[in-house]
mmCIF file of all heavy atoms, coordinates in Angstrom:
data_MODEL
# 
_entry.id   MODEL 
# 
loop_
_atom_site.group_PDB 
_atom_site.id 
_atom_site.type_symbol 
_atom_site.label_atom_id 
_atom_site.label_alt_id 
_atom_site.label_comp_id 
_atom_site.label_asym_id 
_atom_site.label_entity_id 
_atom_site.label_seq_id 
_atom_site.pdbx_PDB_ins_code 
_atom_site.Cartn_x 
_atom_site.Cartn_y 
_atom_site.Cartn_z 
_atom_site.occupancy 
_atom_site.B_iso_or_equiv 
_atom_site.pdbx_formal_charge 
_atom_site.auth_seq_id 
_atom_site.auth_comp_id 
_atom_site.auth_asym_id 
_atom_site.auth_atom_id 
_atom_site.pdbx_PDB_model_num 
ATOM 1   N N   . LYS A 1 1  ? 98.996  89.563 75.814  1.00 0.00 ? 1  LYS A N   1 
ATOM 2   C CA  . LYS A 1 1  ? 98.228  90.783 75.592  1.00 0.00 ? 1  LYS A CA  1 
ATOM 3   C C   . LYS A 1 1  ? 99.020  91.994 76.082  1.00 0.00 ? 1  LYS A C   1 
ATOM 4   O O   . LYS A 1 1  ? 99.825  91.891 77.008  1.00 0.00 ? 1  LYS A O   1 
ATOM 5   C CB  . LYS A 1 1  ? 96.878  90.683 76.287  1.00 0.00 ? 1  LYS A CB  1 
ATOM 6   C CG  . LYS A 1 1  ? 96.037  89.555 75.689  1.00 0.00 ? 1  LYS A CG  1 
ATOM 7   C CD  . LYS A 1 1  ? 94.711  89.402 76.346  1.00 0.00 ? 1  LYS A CD  1 
ATOM 8   C CE  . LYS A 1 1  ? 93.949  88.256 75.691  1.00 0.00 ? 1  LYS A CE  1 
ATOM 9   N NZ  . LYS A 1 1  ? 92.868  87.774 76.511  1.00 0.00 ? 1  LYS A NZ  1 
ATOM 10  N N   . PRO A 1 2  ? 98.793  93.152 75.487  1.00 0.00 ? 2  PRO A N   1 
ATOM 11  C CA  . PRO A 1 2  ? 99.590  94.334 75.840  1.00 0.00 ? 2  PRO A CA  1 
ATOM 12  C C   . PRO A 1 2  ? 99.397  94.807 77.285  1.00 0.00 ? 2  PRO A C   1 
ATOM 13  O O   . PRO A 1 2  ? 100.259 95.481 77.831  1.00 0.00 ? 2  PRO A O   1 
ATOM 14  C CB  . PRO A 1 2  ? 99.130  95.404 74.845  1.00 0.00 ? 2  PRO A CB  1 
ATOM 15  C CG  . PRO A 1 2  ? 97.860  94.913 74.266  1.00 0.00 ? 2  PRO A CG  1 
ATOM 16  C CD  . PRO A 1 2  ? 97.859  93.415 74.397  1.00 0.00 ? 2  PRO A CD  1 
ATOM 17  N N   . PHE A 1 3  ? 98.298  94.439 77.919  1.00 0.00 ? 3  PHE A N   1 
ATOM 18  C CA  . PHE A 1 3  ? 98.026  94.906 79.277  1.00 0.00 ? 3  PHE A CA  1 
ATOM 19  C C   . PHE A 1 3  ? 98.492  93.923 80.361  1.00 0.00 ? 3  PHE A C   1 
ATOM 20  O O   . PHE A 1 3  ? 98.277  94.161 81.547  1.00 0.00 ? 3  PHE A O   1 
ATOM 21  C CB  . PHE A 1 3  ? 96.536  95.211 79.458  1.00 0.00 ? 3  PHE A CB  1 
ATOM 22  C CG  . PHE A 1 3  ? 95.614  94.074 79.102  1.00 0.00 ? 3  PHE A CG  1 
ATOM 23  C CD1 . PHE A 1 3  ? 95.333  93.062 80.006  1.00 0.00 ? 3  PHE A CD1 1 
ATOM 24  C CD2 . PHE A 1 3  ? 95.029  94.029 77.844  1.00 0.00 ? 3  PHE A CD2 1 
ATOM 25  C CE1 . PHE A 1 3  ? 94.481  92.019 79.681  1.00 0.00 ? 3  PHE A CE1 1 
ATOM 26  C CE2 . PHE A 1 3  ? 94.170  92.984 77.499  1.00 0.00 ? 3  PHE A CE2 1 
ATOM 27  C CZ  . PHE A 1 3  ? 93.901  91.978 78.426  1.00 0.00 ? 3  PHE A CZ  1 
ATOM 28  N N   . PHE A 1 4  ? 99.162  92.827 79.975  1.00 0.00 ? 4  PHE A N   1 
ATOM 29  C CA  . PHE A 1 4  ? 99.623  91.820 80.940  1.00 0.00 ? 4  PHE A CA  1 
ATOM 30  C C   . PHE A 1 4  ? 100.481 92.449 82.044  1.00 0.00 ? 4  PHE A C   1 
ATOM 31  O O   . PHE A 1 4  ? 100.264 92.212 83.238  1.00 0.00 ? 4  PHE A O   1 
ATOM 32  C CB  . PHE A 1 4  ? 100.395 90.708 80.220  1.00 0.00 ? 4  PHE A CB  1 
ATOM 33  C CG  . PHE A 1 4  ? 100.995 89.695 81.145  1.00 0.00 ? 4  PHE A CG  1 
ATOM 34  C CD1 . PHE A 1 4  ? 100.212 88.742 81.774  1.00 0.00 ? 4  PHE A CD1 1 
ATOM 35  C CD2 . PHE A 1 4  ? 102.366 89.672 81.381  1.00 0.00 ? 4  PHE A CD2 1 
ATOM 36  C CE1 . PHE A 1 4  ? 100.768 87.794 82.633  1.00 0.00 ? 4  PHE A CE1 1 
ATOM 37  C CE2 . PHE A 1 4  ? 102.938 88.734 82.233  1.00 0.00 ? 4  PHE A CE2 1 
ATOM 38  C CZ  . PHE A 1 4  ? 102.136 87.800 82.858  1.00 0.00 ? 4  PHE A CZ  1 
ATOM 39  N N   . GLY A 1 5  ? 101.456 93.251 81.667  1.00 0.00 ? 5  GLY A N   1 
ATOM 40  C CA  . GLY A 1 5  ? 102.336 93.878 82.650  1.00 0.00 ? 5  GLY A CA  1 
ATOM 41  C C   . GLY A 1 5  ? 101.580 94.758 83.626  1.00 0.00 ? 5  GLY A C   1 
ATOM 42  O O   . GLY A 1 5  ? 101.883 94.784 84.824  1.00 0.00 ? 5  GLY A O   1 
ATOM 43  N N   . GLU A 1 6  ? 100.590 95.479 83.120  1.00 0.00 ? 6  GLU A N   1 
ATOM 44  C CA  . GLU A 1 6  ? 99.779  96.345 83.975  1.00 0.00 ? 6  GLU A CA  1 
ATOM 45  C C   . GLU A 1 6  ? 98.992  95.519 84.998  1.00 0.00 ? 6  GLU A C   1 
ATOM 46  O O   . GLU A 1 6  ? 98.884  95.910 86.168  1.00 0.00 ? 6  GLU A O   1 
ATOM 47  C CB  . GLU A 1 6  ? 98.823  97.168 83.105  1.00 0.00 ? 6  GLU A CB  1 
ATOM 48  C CG  . GLU A 1 6  ? 97.991  98.155 83.876  1.00 0.00 ? 6  GLU A CG  1 
ATOM 49  C CD  . GLU A 1 6  ? 97.063  98.974 82.978  1.00 0.00 ? 6  GLU A CD  1 
ATOM 50  O OE1 . GLU A 1 6  ? 97.060  98.793 81.750  1.00 0.00 ? 6  GLU A OE1 1 
ATOM 51  O OE2 . GLU A 1 6  ? 96.336  99.808 83.542  1.00 0.00 ? 6  GLU A OE2 1 
ATOM 52  N N   . LEU A 1 7  ? 98.449  94.373 84.568  1.00 0.00 ? 7  LEU A N   1 
ATOM 53  C CA  . LEU A 1 7  ? 97.724  93.496 85.496  1.00 0.00 ? 7  LEU A CA  1 
ATOM 54  C C   . LEU A 1 7  ? 98.632  93.014 86.621  1.00 0.00 ? 7  LEU A C   1 
ATOM 55  O O   . LEU A 1 7  ? 98.261  93.044 87.796  1.00 0.00 ? 7  LEU A O   1 
ATOM 56  C CB  . LEU A 1 7  ? 97.159  92.277 84.752  1.00 0.00 ? 7  LEU A CB  1 
ATOM 57  C CG  . LEU A 1 7  ? 96.037  92.519 83.757  1.00 0.00 ? 7  LEU A CG  1 
ATOM 58  C CD1 . LEU A 1 7  ? 95.718  91.235 83.005  1.00 0.00 ? 7  LEU A CD1 1 
ATOM 59  C CD2 . LEU A 1 7  ? 94.796  93.053 84.457  1.00 0.00 ? 7  LEU A CD2 1 
ATOM 60  N N   . VAL A 1 8  ? 99.837  92.572 86.233  1.00 0.00 ? 8  VAL A N   1 
ATOM 61  C CA  . VAL A 1 8  ? 100.793 92.064 87.218  1.00 0.00 ? 8  VAL A CA  1 
ATOM 62  C C   . VAL A 1 8  ? 101.200 93.168 88.191  1.00 0.00 ? 8  VAL A C   1 
ATOM 63  O O   . VAL A 1 8  ? 101.211 92.964 89.411  1.00 0.00 ? 8  VAL A O   1 
ATOM 64  C CB  . VAL A 1 8  ? 102.015 91.439 86.510  1.00 0.00 ? 8  VAL A CB  1 
ATOM 65  C CG1 . VAL A 1 8  ? 103.123 91.114 87.509  1.00 0.00 ? 8  VAL A CG1 1 
ATOM 66  C CG2 . VAL A 1 8  ? 101.591 90.188 85.741  1.00 0.00 ? 8  VAL A CG2 1 
ATOM 67  N N   . GLU A 1 9  ? 101.507 94.337 87.670  1.00 0.00 ? 9  GLU A N   1 
ATOM 68  C CA  . GLU A 1 9  ? 101.912 95.454 88.536  1.00 0.00 ? 9  GLU A CA  1 
ATOM 69  C C   . GLU A 1 9  ? 100.792 95.840 89.500  1.00 0.00 ? 9  GLU A C   1 
ATOM 70  O O   . GLU A 1 9  ? 101.035 96.109 90.679  1.00 0.00 ? 9  GLU A O   1 
ATOM 71  C CB  . GLU A 1 9  ? 102.321 96.665 87.698  1.00 0.00 ? 9  GLU A CB  1 
ATOM 72  C CG  . GLU A 1 9  ? 103.597 96.476 86.918  1.00 0.00 ? 9  GLU A CG  1 
ATOM 73  C CD  . GLU A 1 9  ? 104.788 96.117 87.790  1.00 0.00 ? 9  GLU A CD  1 
ATOM 74  O OE1 . GLU A 1 9  ? 104.972 96.750 88.860  1.00 0.00 ? 9  GLU A OE1 1 
ATOM 75  O OE2 . GLU A 1 9  ? 105.528 95.191 87.421  1.00 0.00 ? 9  GLU A OE2 1 
ATOM 76  N N   . PHE A 1 10 ? 99.569  95.853 89.010  1.00 0.00 ? 10 PHE A N   1 
ATOM 77  C CA  . PHE A 1 10 ? 98.437  96.249 89.844  1.00 0.00 ? 10 PHE A CA  1 
ATOM 78  C C   . PHE A 1 10 ? 98.203  95.262 90.985  1.00 0.00 ? 10 PHE A C   1 
ATOM 79  O O   . PHE A 1 10 ? 98.097  95.656 92.144  1.00 0.00 ? 10 PHE A O   1 
ATOM 80  C CB  . PHE A 1 10 ? 97.177  96.400 88.984  1.00 0.00 ? 10 PHE A CB  1 
ATOM 81  C CG  . PHE A 1 10 ? 95.952  96.700 89.789  1.00 0.00 ? 10 PHE A CG  1 
ATOM 82  C CD1 . PHE A 1 10 ? 95.854  97.871 90.520  1.00 0.00 ? 10 PHE A CD1 1 
ATOM 83  C CD2 . PHE A 1 10 ? 94.903  95.805 89.828  1.00 0.00 ? 10 PHE A CD2 1 
ATOM 84  C CE1 . PHE A 1 10 ? 94.728  98.139 91.284  1.00 0.00 ? 10 PHE A CE1 1 
ATOM 85  C CE2 . PHE A 1 10 ? 93.777  96.077 90.583  1.00 0.00 ? 10 PHE A CE2 1 
ATOM 86  C CZ  . PHE A 1 10 ? 93.691  97.236 91.310  1.00 0.00 ? 10 PHE A CZ  1 
ATOM 87  N N   . ILE A 1 11 ? 98.137  93.971 90.687  1.00 0.00 ? 11 ILE A N   1 
ATOM 88  C CA  . ILE A 1 11 ? 97.819  92.973 91.718  1.00 0.00 ? 11 ILE A CA  1 
ATOM 89  C C   . ILE A 1 11 ? 98.945  92.850 92.742  1.00 0.00 ? 11 ILE A C   1 
ATOM 90  O O   . ILE A 1 11 ? 98.720  92.427 93.875  1.00 0.00 ? 11 ILE A O   1 
ATOM 91  C CB  . ILE A 1 11 ? 97.440  91.610 91.099  1.00 0.00 ? 11 ILE A CB  1 
ATOM 92  C CG1 . ILE A 1 11 ? 96.639  90.743 92.091  1.00 0.00 ? 11 ILE A CG1 1 
ATOM 93  C CG2 . ILE A 1 11 ? 98.649  90.858 90.608  1.00 0.00 ? 11 ILE A CG2 1 
ATOM 94  C CD1 . ILE A 1 11 ? 95.222  91.133 92.274  1.00 0.00 ? 11 ILE A CD1 1 
ATOM 95  N N   . THR A 1 12 ? 100.162 93.251 92.371  1.00 0.00 ? 12 THR A N   1 
ATOM 96  C CA  . THR A 1 12 ? 101.285 93.206 93.308  1.00 0.00 ? 12 THR A CA  1 
ATOM 97  C C   . THR A 1 12 ? 101.491 94.534 94.046  1.00 0.00 ? 12 THR A C   1 
ATOM 98  O O   . THR A 1 12 ? 102.409 94.642 94.847  1.00 0.00 ? 12 THR A O   1 
ATOM 99  C CB  . THR A 1 12 ? 102.596 92.805 92.584  1.00 0.00 ? 12 THR A CB  1 
ATOM 100 O OG1 . THR A 1 12 ? 102.888 93.760 91.566  1.00 0.00 ? 12 THR A OG1 1 
ATOM 101 C CG2 . THR A 1 12 ? 102.509 91.413 91.979  1.00 0.00 ? 12 THR A CG2 1 
ATOM 102 N N   . SER A 1 13 ? 100.624 95.508 93.814  1.00 0.00 ? 13 SER A N   1 
ATOM 103 C CA  . SER A 1 13 ? 100.816 96.851 94.372  1.00 0.00 ? 13 SER A CA  1 
ATOM 104 C C   . SER A 1 13 ? 100.380 96.993 95.832  1.00 0.00 ? 13 SER A C   1 
ATOM 105 O O   . SER A 1 13 ? 100.645 98.024 96.451  1.00 0.00 ? 13 SER A O   1 
ATOM 106 C CB  . SER A 1 13 ? 100.075 97.887 93.516  1.00 0.00 ? 13 SER A CB  1 
ATOM 107 O OG  . SER A 1 13 ? 98.675  97.735 93.653  1.00 0.00 ? 13 SER A OG  1 
ATOM 108 N N   . GLY A 1 14 ? 99.729  95.997 96.375  1.00 0.00 ? 14 GLY A N   1 
ATOM 109 C CA  . GLY A 1 14 ? 99.268  96.064 97.759  1.00 0.00 ? 14 GLY A CA  1 
ATOM 110 C C   . GLY A 1 14 ? 98.595  94.761 98.135  1.00 0.00 ? 14 GLY A C   1 
ATOM 111 O O   . GLY A 1 14 ? 98.505  93.844 97.316  1.00 0.00 ? 14 GLY A O   1 
ATOM 112 N N   . PRO A 1 15 ? 98.099  94.654 99.350  1.00 0.00 ? 15 PRO A N   1 
ATOM 113 C CA  . PRO A 1 15 ? 97.454  93.416 99.794  1.00 0.00 ? 15 PRO A CA  1 
ATOM 114 C C   . PRO A 1 15 ? 96.205  93.091 98.982  1.00 0.00 ? 15 PRO A C   1 
ATOM 115 O O   . PRO A 1 15 ? 95.477  93.983 98.536  1.00 0.00 ? 15 PRO A O   1 
ATOM 116 C CB  . PRO A 1 15 ? 97.072  93.698 101.248 1.00 0.00 ? 15 PRO A CB  1 
ATOM 117 C CG  . PRO A 1 15 ? 97.825  94.906 101.639 1.00 0.00 ? 15 PRO A CG  1 
ATOM 118 C CD  . PRO A 1 15 ? 98.143  95.666 100.400 1.00 0.00 ? 15 PRO A CD  1 
ATOM 119 N N   . THR A 1 16 ? 95.974  91.796 98.821  1.00 0.00 ? 16 THR A N   1 
ATOM 120 C CA  . THR A 1 16 ? 94.785  91.255 98.166  1.00 0.00 ? 16 THR A CA  1 
ATOM 121 C C   . THR A 1 16 ? 94.143  90.275 99.127  1.00 0.00 ? 16 THR A C   1 
ATOM 122 O O   . THR A 1 16 ? 94.837  89.468 99.749  1.00 0.00 ? 16 THR A O   1 
ATOM 123 C CB  . THR A 1 16 ? 95.169  90.534 96.854  1.00 0.00 ? 16 THR A CB  1 
ATOM 124 O OG1 . THR A 1 16 ? 95.658  91.500 95.925  1.00 0.00 ? 16 THR A OG1 1 
ATOM 125 C CG2 . THR A 1 16 ? 93.986  89.801 96.239  1.00 0.00 ? 16 THR A CG2 1 
ATOM 126 N N   . LEU A 1 17 ? 92.828  90.325 99.253  1.00 0.00 ? 17 LEU A N   1 
ATOM 127 C CA  . LEU A 1 17 ? 92.102  89.358 100.072 1.00 0.00 ? 17 LEU A CA  1 
ATOM 128 C C   . LEU A 1 17 ? 91.532  88.301 99.133  1.00 0.00 ? 17 LEU A C   1 
ATOM 129 O O   . LEU A 1 17 ? 90.669  88.598 98.311  1.00 0.00 ? 17 LEU A O   1 
ATOM 130 C CB  . LEU A 1 17 ? 90.992  90.039 100.870 1.00 0.00 ? 17 LEU A CB  1 
ATOM 131 C CG  . LEU A 1 17 ? 90.214  89.149 101.837 1.00 0.00 ? 17 LEU A CG  1 
ATOM 132 C CD1 . LEU A 1 17 ? 91.136  88.516 102.880 1.00 0.00 ? 17 LEU A CD1 1 
ATOM 133 C CD2 . LEU A 1 17 ? 89.100  89.943 102.514 1.00 0.00 ? 17 LEU A CD2 1 
ATOM 134 N N   . ALA A 1 18 ? 92.071  87.079 99.228  1.00 0.00 ? 18 ALA A N   1 
ATOM 135 C CA  . ALA A 1 18 ? 91.620  85.960 98.395  1.00 0.00 ? 18 ALA A CA  1 
ATOM 136 C C   . ALA A 1 18 ? 90.569  85.172 99.167  1.00 0.00 ? 18 ALA A C   1 
ATOM 137 O O   . ALA A 1 18 ? 90.774  84.828 100.332 1.00 0.00 ? 18 ALA A O   1 
ATOM 138 C CB  . ALA A 1 18 ? 92.807  85.070 98.031  1.00 0.00 ? 18 ALA A CB  1 
ATOM 139 N N   . LEU A 1 19 ? 89.455  84.904 98.517  1.00 0.00 ? 19 LEU A N   1 
ATOM 140 C CA  . LEU A 1 19 ? 88.333  84.193 99.133  1.00 0.00 ? 19 LEU A CA  1 
ATOM 141 C C   . LEU A 1 19 ? 87.937  82.996 98.283  1.00 0.00 ? 19 LEU A C   1 
ATOM 142 O O   . LEU A 1 19 ? 88.039  83.043 97.056  1.00 0.00 ? 19 LEU A O   1 
ATOM 143 C CB  . LEU A 1 19 ? 87.091  85.093 99.214  1.00 0.00 ? 19 LEU A CB  1 
ATOM 144 C CG  . LEU A 1 19 ? 87.203  86.518 99.703  1.00 0.00 ? 19 LEU A CG  1 
ATOM 145 C CD1 . LEU A 1 19 ? 85.878  87.242 99.474  1.00 0.00 ? 19 LEU A CD1 1 
ATOM 146 C CD2 . LEU A 1 19 ? 87.574  86.529 101.166 1.00 0.00 ? 19 LEU A CD2 1 
ATOM 147 N N   . VAL A 1 20 ? 87.440  81.967 98.926  1.00 0.00 ? 20 VAL A N   1 
ATOM 148 C CA  . VAL A 1 20 ? 86.727  80.907 98.223  1.00 0.00 ? 20 VAL A CA  1 
ATOM 149 C C   . VAL A 1 20 ? 85.304  80.946 98.741  1.00 0.00 ? 20 VAL A C   1 
ATOM 150 O O   . VAL A 1 20 ? 85.063  80.827 99.950  1.00 0.00 ? 20 VAL A O   1 
ATOM 151 C CB  . VAL A 1 20 ? 87.358  79.515 98.450  1.00 0.00 ? 20 VAL A CB  1 
ATOM 152 C CG1 . VAL A 1 20 ? 86.509  78.434 97.778  1.00 0.00 ? 20 VAL A CG1 1 
ATOM 153 C CG2 . VAL A 1 20 ? 88.785  79.483 97.909  1.00 0.00 ? 20 VAL A CG2 1 
ATOM 154 N N   . LEU A 1 21 ? 84.371  81.162 97.822  1.00 0.00 ? 21 LEU A N   1 
ATOM 155 C CA  . LEU A 1 21 ? 82.953  81.185 98.151  1.00 0.00 ? 21 LEU A CA  1 
ATOM 156 C C   . LEU A 1 21 ? 82.293  79.946 97.569  1.00 0.00 ? 21 LEU A C   1 
ATOM 157 O O   . LEU A 1 21 ? 82.715  79.425 96.533  1.00 0.00 ? 21 LEU A O   1 
ATOM 158 C CB  . LEU A 1 21 ? 82.292  82.445 97.586  1.00 0.00 ? 21 LEU A CB  1 
ATOM 159 C CG  . LEU A 1 21 ? 82.836  83.778 98.095  1.00 0.00 ? 21 LEU A CG  1 
ATOM 160 C CD1 . LEU A 1 21 ? 82.111  84.929 97.412  1.00 0.00 ? 21 LEU A CD1 1 
ATOM 161 C CD2 . LEU A 1 21 ? 82.705  83.881 99.600  1.00 0.00 ? 21 LEU A CD2 1 
ATOM 162 N N   . GLU A 1 22 ? 81.239  79.499 98.227  1.00 0.00 ? 22 GLU A N   1 
ATOM 163 C CA  . GLU A 1 22 ? 80.549  78.274 97.806  1.00 0.00 ? 22 GLU A CA  1 
ATOM 164 C C   . GLU A 1 22 ? 79.049  78.493 97.879  1.00 0.00 ? 22 GLU A C   1 
ATOM 165 O O   . GLU A 1 22 ? 78.552  79.185 98.769  1.00 0.00 ? 22 GLU A O   1 
ATOM 166 C CB  . GLU A 1 22 ? 80.961  77.123 98.738  1.00 0.00 ? 22 GLU A CB  1 
ATOM 167 C CG  . GLU A 1 22 ? 80.373  75.789 98.346  1.00 0.00 ? 22 GLU A CG  1 
ATOM 168 C CD  . GLU A 1 22 ? 80.890  74.697 99.256  1.00 0.00 ? 22 GLU A CD  1 
ATOM 169 O OE1 . GLU A 1 22 ? 81.948  74.110 98.944  1.00 0.00 ? 22 GLU A OE1 1 
ATOM 170 O OE2 . GLU A 1 22 ? 80.242  74.441 100.298 1.00 0.00 ? 22 GLU A OE2 1 
ATOM 171 N N   . GLY A 1 23 ? 78.349  77.884 96.937  1.00 0.00 ? 23 GLY A N   1 
ATOM 172 C CA  . GLY A 1 23 ? 76.898  77.927 96.941  1.00 0.00 ? 23 GLY A CA  1 
ATOM 173 C C   . GLY A 1 23 ? 76.351  77.434 95.622  1.00 0.00 ? 23 GLY A C   1 
ATOM 174 O O   . GLY A 1 23 ? 77.099  77.169 94.675  1.00 0.00 ? 23 GLY A O   1 
ATOM 175 N N   . GLU A 1 24 ? 75.064  77.314 95.552  1.00 0.00 ? 24 GLU A N   1 
ATOM 176 C CA  . GLU A 1 24 ? 74.419  76.894 94.311  1.00 0.00 ? 24 GLU A CA  1 
ATOM 177 C C   . GLU A 1 24 ? 74.635  77.965 93.252  1.00 0.00 ? 24 GLU A C   1 
ATOM 178 O O   . GLU A 1 24 ? 74.356  79.135 93.484  1.00 0.00 ? 24 GLU A O   1 
ATOM 179 C CB  . GLU A 1 24 ? 72.924  76.657 94.527  1.00 0.00 ? 24 GLU A CB  1 
ATOM 180 C CG  . GLU A 1 24 ? 72.632  75.418 95.333  1.00 0.00 ? 24 GLU A CG  1 
ATOM 181 C CD  . GLU A 1 24 ? 71.155  75.069 95.350  1.00 0.00 ? 24 GLU A CD  1 
ATOM 182 O OE1 . GLU A 1 24 ? 70.428  75.434 94.392  1.00 0.00 ? 24 GLU A OE1 1 
ATOM 183 O OE2 . GLU A 1 24 ? 70.739  74.433 96.321  1.00 0.00 ? 24 GLU A OE2 1 
ATOM 184 N N   . GLY A 1 25 ? 75.172  77.549 92.115  1.00 0.00 ? 25 GLY A N   1 
ATOM 185 C CA  . GLY A 1 25 ? 75.423  78.487 91.030  1.00 0.00 ? 25 GLY A CA  1 
ATOM 186 C C   . GLY A 1 25 ? 76.348  79.621 91.418  1.00 0.00 ? 25 GLY A C   1 
ATOM 187 O O   . GLY A 1 25 ? 76.210  80.743 90.927  1.00 0.00 ? 25 GLY A O   1 
# 
């Protein structure tokens, strides 16, 4: 997709907090 590069640049532009959440639904 044409916006792939923009996604990659954005997510690499600073820290990201990755979480795993759990629960019903």
